[in-house]
Amino acid sequence: MTRKTPLNRTVGVAAALATVGLVAGACGSDDSSDSSTTVTESAAAATSAEDDAADDTYKDGEYSATGNYVSPGGPQQVGVTVTLSNNVITALSLDTSQTKGTSKEFQGKFASGIDALVIGKSIDEIDVDKVAGSSLTSTGFDDAIDQIKTQARA
């Protein structure tokens, strides 16, 4: 026969009370106004957060930033210049001149495929993962885009 310690009994009692609380909470009351109010408030908060993101307005113009990332060859940089019009990227150029070794090759591949992913899109929609086999350059690109957003905020 196993002897129970006070700690084992306490844990058992706590587990039983938690189970009873869950069952009672699941039954709830017939008054659904409390739960629908909570849902409505949560939905309103989510809508408000979406509206705040949609309200981001950027000044039209040309902006440049240098994004940083680390490759197996060490720290790398990619220069990004965009032209914004009504929050939309209308032109893009990359400066890959600071890069060495295989990173230069990957940045070249990235540069050859990035235009199709960002030109004509809202700057808030841009989130690049991998372009033409180059996944690390996108980290530097996204860093530069974040800097440009800060510069261009109205």
C-alpha atoms as a PDB file:
ATOM      1  CA  MET A   1       0.000   0.000   0.000  1.00  0.00           C
ATOM      2  CA  THR A   2       1.310   3.435  -0.929  1.00  0.00           C
ATOM      3  CA  ARG A   3       1.177   6.113   1.668  1.00  0.00           C
ATOM      4  CA  LYS A   4      -0.018   9.515   0.455  1.00  0.00           C
ATOM      5  CA  THR A   5       1.827  12.603   1.514  1.00  0.00           C
ATOM      6  CA  PRO A   6       0.083  15.925   2.162  1.00  0.00           C
ATOM      7  CA  LEU A   7       1.536  17.243  -1.119  1.00  0.00           C
ATOM      8  CA  ASN A   8      -0.006  14.403  -3.135  1.00  0.00           C
ATOM      9  CA  ARG A   9      -3.410  15.060  -1.514  1.00  0.00           C
ATOM     10  CA  THR A  10      -3.126  18.794  -2.206  1.00  0.00           C
ATOM     11  CA  VAL A  11      -2.344  18.172  -5.867  1.00  0.00           C
ATOM     12  CA  GLY A  12      -5.260  15.763  -6.127  1.00  0.00           C
ATOM     13  CA  VAL A  13      -7.679  18.209  -4.521  1.00  0.00           C
ATOM     14  CA  ALA A  14      -6.459  21.045  -6.771  1.00  0.00           C
ATOM     15  CA  ALA A  15      -6.933  18.874  -9.874  1.00  0.00           C
ATOM     16  CA  ALA A  16     -10.456  17.938  -8.793  1.00  0.00           C
ATOM     17  CA  LEU A  17     -11.385  21.588  -8.159  1.00  0.00           C
ATOM     18  CA  ALA A  18      -9.968  22.619 -11.531  1.00  0.00           C
ATOM     19  CA  THR A  19     -12.064  19.945 -13.258  1.00  0.00           C
ATOM     20  CA  VAL A  20     -15.224  21.085 -11.475  1.00  0.00           C
ATOM     21  CA  GLY A  21     -14.454  24.699 -12.423  1.00  0.00           C
ATOM     22  CA  LEU A  22     -14.039  23.777 -16.091  1.00  0.00           C
ATOM     23  CA  VAL A  23     -17.292  21.813 -16.154  1.00  0.00           C
ATOM     24  CA  ALA A  24     -19.189  24.630 -14.434  1.00  0.00           C
ATOM     25  CA  GLY A  25     -17.675  27.207 -16.767  1.00  0.00           C
ATOM     26  CA  ALA A  26     -18.610  25.156 -19.816  1.00  0.00           C
ATOM     27  CA  CYS A  27     -22.232  25.020 -18.697  1.00  0.00           C
ATOM     28  CA  GLY A  28     -22.386  28.806 -18.264  1.00  0.00           C
ATOM     29  CA  SER A  29     -25.564  30.784 -17.976  1.00  0.00           C
ATOM     30  CA  ASP A  30     -28.370  31.213 -20.460  1.00  0.00           C
ATOM     31  CA  ASP A  31     -27.544  34.924 -20.692  1.00  0.00           C
ATOM     32  CA  SER A  32     -25.358  35.105 -23.794  1.00  0.00           C
ATOM     33  CA  SER A  33     -24.926  38.874 -23.673  1.00  0.00           C
ATOM     34  CA  ASP A  34     -21.764  38.601 -21.569  1.00  0.00           C
ATOM     35  CA  SER A  35     -19.931  36.312 -23.977  1.00  0.00           C
ATOM     36  CA  SER A  36     -21.075  38.142 -27.110  1.00  0.00           C
ATOM     37  CA  THR A  37     -19.941  41.426 -25.580  1.00  0.00           C
ATOM     38  CA  THR A  38     -16.487  39.944 -25.059  1.00  0.00           C
ATOM     39  CA  VAL A  39     -16.389  38.672 -28.619  1.00  0.00           C
ATOM     40  CA  THR A  40     -17.570  42.030 -29.932  1.00  0.00           C
ATOM     41  CA  GLU A  41     -14.943  43.895 -27.900  1.00  0.00           C
ATOM     42  CA  SER A  42     -12.225  41.521 -29.135  1.00  0.00           C
ATOM     43  CA  ALA A  43     -13.390  41.895 -32.725  1.00  0.00           C
ATOM     44  CA  ALA A  44     -13.462  45.680 -32.340  1.00  0.00           C
ATOM     45  CA  ALA A  45      -9.912  45.671 -30.969  1.00  0.00           C
ATOM     46  CA  ALA A  46      -8.696  43.536 -33.870  1.00  0.00           C
ATOM     47  CA  THR A  47     -10.464  45.795 -36.383  1.00  0.00           C
ATOM     48  CA  SER A  48      -8.920  48.842 -34.730  1.00  0.00           C
ATOM     49  CA  ALA A  49      -5.434  47.323 -35.041  1.00  0.00           C
ATOM     50  CA  GLU A  50      -6.063  46.570 -38.723  1.00  0.00           C
ATOM     51  CA  ASP A  51      -7.298  50.119 -39.274  1.00  0.00           C
ATOM     52  CA  ASP A  52      -4.159  51.507 -37.626  1.00  0.00           C
ATOM     53  CA  ALA A  53      -1.991  49.465 -39.988  1.00  0.00           C
ATOM     54  CA  ALA A  54      -4.095  50.560 -42.974  1.00  0.00           C
ATOM     55  CA  ASP A  55      -3.763  54.198 -41.895  1.00  0.00           C
ATOM     56  CA  ASP A  56       0.020  54.141 -42.386  1.00  0.00           C
ATOM     57  CA  THR A  57       0.645  56.887 -44.863  1.00  0.00           C
ATOM     58  CA  TYR A  58       3.977  57.480 -46.487  1.00  0.00           C
ATOM     59  CA  LYS A  59       5.191  60.604 -48.236  1.00  0.00           C
ATOM     60  CA  ASP A  60       5.678  60.233 -51.957  1.00  0.00           C
ATOM     61  CA  GLY A  61       9.293  60.322 -53.054  1.00  0.00           C
ATOM     62  CA  GLU A  62      12.494  58.379 -53.457  1.00  0.00           C
ATOM     63  CA  TYR A  63      14.022  56.713 -50.397  1.00  0.00           C
ATOM     64  CA  SER A  64      17.222  54.754 -49.859  1.00  0.00           C
ATOM     65  CA  ALA A  65      18.519  52.536 -47.077  1.00  0.00           C
ATOM     66  CA  THR A  66      21.157  49.891 -46.562  1.00  0.00           C
ATOM     67  CA  GLY A  67      19.997  46.564 -45.202  1.00  0.00           C
ATOM     68  CA  ASN A  68      22.323  44.324 -43.258  1.00  0.00           C
ATOM     69  CA  TYR A  69      22.438  40.556 -42.952  1.00  0.00           C
ATOM     70  CA  VAL A  70      24.902  37.802 -42.185  1.00  0.00           C
ATOM     71  CA  SER A  71      25.890  35.137 -44.695  1.00  0.00           C
ATOM     72  CA  PRO A  72      28.286  32.218 -44.258  1.00  0.00           C
ATOM     73  CA  GLY A  73      30.907  34.607 -45.685  1.00  0.00           C
ATOM     74  CA  GLY A  74      30.269  37.134 -42.930  1.00  0.00           C
ATOM     75  CA  PRO A  75      28.339  40.413 -42.643  1.00  0.00           C
ATOM     76  CA  GLN A  76      26.810  41.659 -45.897  1.00  0.00           C
ATOM     77  CA  GLN A  77      24.899  44.718 -47.074  1.00  0.00           C
ATOM     78  CA  VAL A  78      22.409  45.452 -49.795  1.00  0.00           C
ATOM     79  CA  GLY A  79      21.422  48.967 -50.784  1.00  0.00           C
ATOM     80  CA  VAL A  80      17.756  49.503 -51.602  1.00  0.00           C
ATOM     81  CA  THR A  81      16.215  52.550 -53.284  1.00  0.00           C
ATOM     82  CA  VAL A  82      12.463  52.757 -53.854  1.00  0.00           C
ATOM     83  CA  THR A  83      10.140  55.356 -55.272  1.00  0.00           C
ATOM     84  CA  LEU A  84       6.812  55.634 -53.456  1.00  0.00           C
ATOM     85  CA  SER A  85       3.583  57.053 -54.824  1.00  0.00           C
ATOM     86  CA  ASN A  86       0.415  56.742 -52.716  1.00  0.00           C
ATOM     87  CA  ASN A  87       2.145  54.111 -50.531  1.00  0.00           C
ATOM     88  CA  VAL A  88       2.898  51.989 -53.613  1.00  0.00           C
ATOM     89  CA  ILE A  89       6.390  51.103 -54.783  1.00  0.00           C
ATOM     90  CA  THR A  90       6.664  52.366 -58.346  1.00  0.00           C
ATOM     91  CA  ALA A  91      10.419  51.878 -58.867  1.00  0.00           C
ATOM     92  CA  LEU A  92      13.179  49.848 -57.237  1.00  0.00           C
ATOM     93  CA  SER A  93      16.936  49.630 -57.551  1.00  0.00           C
ATOM     94  CA  LEU A  94      19.501  47.628 -55.611  1.00  0.00           C
ATOM     95  CA  ASP A  95      23.130  48.440 -54.866  1.00  0.00           C
ATOM     96  CA  THR A  96      25.113  45.228 -54.503  1.00  0.00           C
ATOM     97  CA  SER A  97      28.547  46.833 -54.842  1.00  0.00           C
ATOM     98  CA  GLN A  98      29.488  46.263 -51.181  1.00  0.00           C
ATOM     99  CA  THR A  99      29.245  42.491 -51.537  1.00  0.00           C
ATOM    100  CA  LYS A 100      31.993  39.921 -52.018  1.00  0.00           C
ATOM    101  CA  GLY A 101      32.296  36.253 -52.902  1.00  0.00           C
ATOM    102  CA  THR A 102      29.302  34.011 -53.381  1.00  0.00           C
ATOM    103  CA  SER A 103      27.045  36.610 -51.735  1.00  0.00           C
ATOM    104  CA  LYS A 104      27.562  38.837 -54.783  1.00  0.00           C
ATOM    105  CA  GLU A 105      26.277  36.013 -56.978  1.00  0.00           C
ATOM    106  CA  PHE A 106      23.230  35.477 -54.768  1.00  0.00           C
ATOM    107  CA  GLN A 107      22.502  39.203 -54.636  1.00  0.00           C
ATOM    108  CA  GLY A 108      22.621  39.245 -58.447  1.00  0.00           C
ATOM    109  CA  LYS A 109      20.044  36.453 -58.575  1.00  0.00           C
ATOM    110  CA  PHE A 110      17.937  38.279 -55.980  1.00  0.00           C
ATOM    111  CA  ALA A 111      18.099  41.502 -58.022  1.00  0.00           C
ATOM    112  CA  SER A 112      16.953  39.683 -61.160  1.00  0.00           C
ATOM    113  CA  GLY A 113      13.717  38.475 -59.536  1.00  0.00           C
ATOM    114  CA  ILE A 114      12.729  41.093 -56.958  1.00  0.00           C
ATOM    115  CA  ASP A 115      11.052  43.664 -59.228  1.00  0.00           C
ATOM    116  CA  ALA A 116       8.136  41.365 -60.029  1.00  0.00           C
ATOM    117  CA  LEU A 117       7.475  40.874 -56.317  1.00  0.00           C
ATOM    118  CA  VAL A 118       7.446  44.511 -55.195  1.00  0.00           C
ATOM    119  CA  ILE A 119       6.770  46.923 -58.076  1.00  0.00           C
ATOM    120  CA  GLY A 120       3.123  48.005 -57.978  1.00  0.00           C
ATOM    121  CA  LYS A 121       2.563  46.765 -54.411  1.00  0.00           C
ATOM    122  CA  SER A 122       1.904  48.693 -51.228  1.00  0.00           C
ATOM    123  CA  ILE A 123       5.065  49.037 -49.163  1.00  0.00           C
ATOM    124  CA  ASP A 124       3.113  47.607 -46.210  1.00  0.00           C
ATOM    125  CA  GLU A 125       2.477  44.379 -48.145  1.00  0.00           C
ATOM    126  CA  ILE A 126       6.144  43.721 -48.866  1.00  0.00           C
ATOM    127  CA  ASP A 127       7.618  40.755 -46.985  1.00  0.00           C
ATOM    128  CA  VAL A 128      10.199  38.961 -49.073  1.00  0.00           C
ATOM    129  CA  ASP A 129      11.367  35.473 -48.068  1.00  0.00           C
ATOM    130  CA  LYS A 130      13.361  33.957 -50.903  1.00  0.00           C
ATOM    131  CA  VAL A 131      13.981  35.215 -54.422  1.00  0.00           C
ATOM    132  CA  ALA A 132      15.663  33.208 -57.195  1.00  0.00           C
ATOM    133  CA  GLY A 133      17.387  30.900 -54.716  1.00  0.00           C
ATOM    134  CA  SER A 134      18.649  33.702 -52.500  1.00  0.00           C
ATOM    135  CA  SER A 135      17.154  33.547 -49.031  1.00  0.00           C
ATOM    136  CA  LEU A 136      19.685  35.564 -47.010  1.00  0.00           C
ATOM    137  CA  THR A 137      19.609  38.664 -49.215  1.00  0.00           C
ATOM    138  CA  SER A 138      15.906  38.980 -48.452  1.00  0.00           C
ATOM    139  CA  THR A 139      16.756  39.557 -44.787  1.00  0.00           C
ATOM    140  CA  GLY A 140      18.852  42.581 -45.742  1.00  0.00           C
ATOM    141  CA  PHE A 141      16.185  43.738 -48.186  1.00  0.00           C
ATOM    142  CA  ASP A 142      13.453  43.558 -45.536  1.00  0.00           C
ATOM    143  CA  ASP A 143      15.721  45.456 -43.113  1.00  0.00           C
ATOM    144  CA  ALA A 144      16.160  48.235 -45.683  1.00  0.00           C
ATOM    145  CA  ILE A 145      12.391  48.360 -46.376  1.00  0.00           C
ATOM    146  CA  ASP A 146      11.726  48.803 -42.639  1.00  0.00           C
ATOM    147  CA  GLN A 147      14.186  51.700 -42.565  1.00  0.00           C
ATOM    148  CA  ILE A 148      12.534  53.248 -45.625  1.00  0.00           C
ATOM    149  CA  LYS A 149       9.096  53.009 -43.993  1.00  0.00           C
ATOM    150  CA  THR A 150      10.444  54.955 -41.029  1.00  0.00           C
ATOM    151  CA  GLN A 151      11.930  57.608 -43.319  1.00  0.00           C
ATOM    152  CA  ALA A 152       8.776  57.982 -45.395  1.00  0.00           C
ATOM    153  CA  ARG A 153       6.146  58.170 -42.640  1.00  0.00           C
ATOM    154  CA  ALA A 154       4.010  61.255 -43.067  1.00  0.00           C
END
